[in-house]
Amino acid sequence: MAGQMAARLFTAQTWVSVVCGVVLLMLSRSRTAPSPASAGQIATLFILLGVLLALLVEFAVAPRIVAKEDLRFWHSLGSLMYLGQWLCAAVTLWQLTPQREVQV
């Protein structure tokens, strides 16, 4: 029962990630974006990578976990992909946050 609930939560998380990624991509295309082009391009790359990882977990890894195929491998791979999503989000946040110069 707990596994089924976790699967539903992970599915919801996937779709929230995809929607947030699409919104970020649409906002990054705005002409009023304050970040330099290189930071925006790096952020766009990591947004796309994070969305791709979310979709891979949902459509490639999760069905194998539900089918109980080599659980240890697929669960570990899914966990690494979630970690990858967090890293993509961190890099995106880092790139899109305005950098202030520290004055001594």
Protein backbone atom coordinates (compact mmCIF):
# COMPACT_ATOMS: atom_id res chain seq x y z
CA MET A 1 0.00 0.00 0.00
CA ALA A 2 2.83 2.41 0.84
CA GLY A 3 4.49 1.65 -2.49
CA GLN A 4 1.35 2.57 -4.40
CA MET A 5 1.06 5.85 -2.51
CA ALA A 6 4.72 6.64 -3.14
CA ALA A 7 4.24 5.90 -6.85
CA ARG A 8 1.35 8.38 -6.98
CA LEU A 9 3.40 11.02 -5.16
CA PHE A 10 6.33 10.55 -7.52
CA THR A 11 4.01 10.82 -10.52
CA ALA A 12 2.60 14.07 -9.16
CA GLN A 13 6.14 15.32 -8.56
CA THR A 14 7.05 14.51 -12.15
CA TRP A 15 4.19 16.55 -13.57
CA VAL A 16 4.88 19.47 -11.22
CA SER A 17 8.51 19.36 -12.39
CA VAL A 18 7.50 19.33 -16.05
CA VAL A 19 5.07 22.24 -15.61
CA CYS A 20 7.63 24.27 -13.63
CA GLY A 21 10.27 23.54 -16.27
CA VAL A 22 8.01 24.66 -19.09
CA VAL A 23 7.08 27.84 -17.20
CA LEU A 24 10.76 28.59 -16.55
CA LEU A 25 11.56 28.05 -20.21
CA MET A 26 8.75 30.37 -21.27
CA LEU A 27 9.90 33.03 -18.80
CA SER A 28 13.51 32.69 -19.91
CA ARG A 29 12.42 33.54 -23.46
CA SER A 30 11.13 36.88 -22.19
CA ARG A 31 12.95 39.92 -23.56
CA THR A 32 13.19 41.42 -20.09
CA ALA A 33 15.33 38.64 -18.68
CA PRO A 34 17.97 40.29 -16.46
CA SER A 35 20.59 37.56 -16.73
CA PRO A 36 23.37 37.57 -19.30
CA ALA A 37 22.97 35.36 -22.35
CA SER A 38 25.56 32.80 -21.21
CA ALA A 39 23.93 32.31 -17.80
CA GLY A 40 20.52 32.07 -19.47
CA GLN A 41 21.79 29.46 -21.92
CA ILE A 42 23.33 27.40 -19.13
CA ALA A 43 20.12 27.65 -17.09
CA THR A 44 18.05 26.62 -20.12
CA LEU A 45 20.27 23.57 -20.61
CA PHE A 46 19.85 22.50 -16.99
CA ILE A 47 16.09 23.14 -17.05
CA LEU A 48 15.78 20.86 -20.09
CA LEU A 49 18.01 18.24 -18.48
CA GLY A 50 15.93 18.30 -15.27
CA VAL A 51 12.67 17.90 -17.21
CA LEU A 52 14.19 15.07 -19.25
CA LEU A 53 15.29 13.30 -16.07
CA ALA A 54 11.80 13.67 -14.58
CA LEU A 55 10.21 12.18 -17.68
CA LEU A 56 12.73 9.33 -17.81
CA VAL A 57 11.99 8.43 -14.20
CA GLU A 58 8.26 8.47 -14.89
CA PHE A 59 8.22 6.53 -18.16
CA ALA A 60 11.38 4.38 -18.07
CA VAL A 61 12.25 3.68 -14.45
CA ALA A 62 8.93 3.72 -12.56
CA PRO A 63 7.22 1.06 -14.71
CA ARG A 64 10.10 -1.32 -14.04
CA ILE A 65 9.94 -0.66 -10.31
CA VAL A 66 6.16 -1.27 -10.33
CA ALA A 67 6.74 -4.50 -12.30
CA LYS A 68 9.37 -5.47 -9.69
CA GLU A 69 12.07 -5.98 -12.33
CA ASP A 70 15.52 -5.96 -10.72
CA LEU A 71 14.28 -3.65 -7.96
CA ARG A 72 17.68 -2.82 -6.52
CA PHE A 73 19.06 -1.56 -9.85
CA TRP A 74 15.99 0.42 -10.97
CA HIS A 75 15.40 1.94 -7.54
CA SER A 76 19.05 3.02 -7.36
CA LEU A 77 18.92 4.45 -10.87
CA GLY A 78 15.69 6.31 -10.09
CA SER A 79 17.25 7.73 -6.91
CA LEU A 80 20.28 8.93 -8.87
CA MET A 81 17.99 10.55 -11.43
CA TYR A 82 16.13 12.38 -8.65
CA LEU A 83 19.48 13.57 -7.31
CA GLY A 84 20.27 14.74 -10.85
CA GLN A 85 17.03 16.72 -10.90
CA TRP A 86 17.98 18.43 -7.64
CA LEU A 87 21.42 19.27 -9.01
CA CYS A 88 19.85 20.70 -12.18
CA ALA A 89 17.52 22.83 -10.05
CA ALA A 90 20.47 24.05 -7.95
CA VAL A 91 22.54 25.00 -11.00
CA THR A 92 19.54 26.75 -12.56
CA LEU A 93 18.94 28.72 -9.38
CA TRP A 94 22.62 29.60 -9.16
CA GLN A 95 22.72 30.77 -12.77
CA LEU A 96 19.53 32.83 -12.59
CA THR A 97 20.26 34.52 -9.27
CA PRO A 98 21.84 37.95 -9.77
CA GLN A 99 25.40 37.93 -8.49
CA ARG A 100 26.38 40.80 -6.22
CA GLU A 101 29.93 41.92 -5.80
CA VAL A 102 31.20 41.74 -2.26
CA GLN A 103 32.75 45.02 -1.16
CA VAL A 104 35.46 44.94 1.46
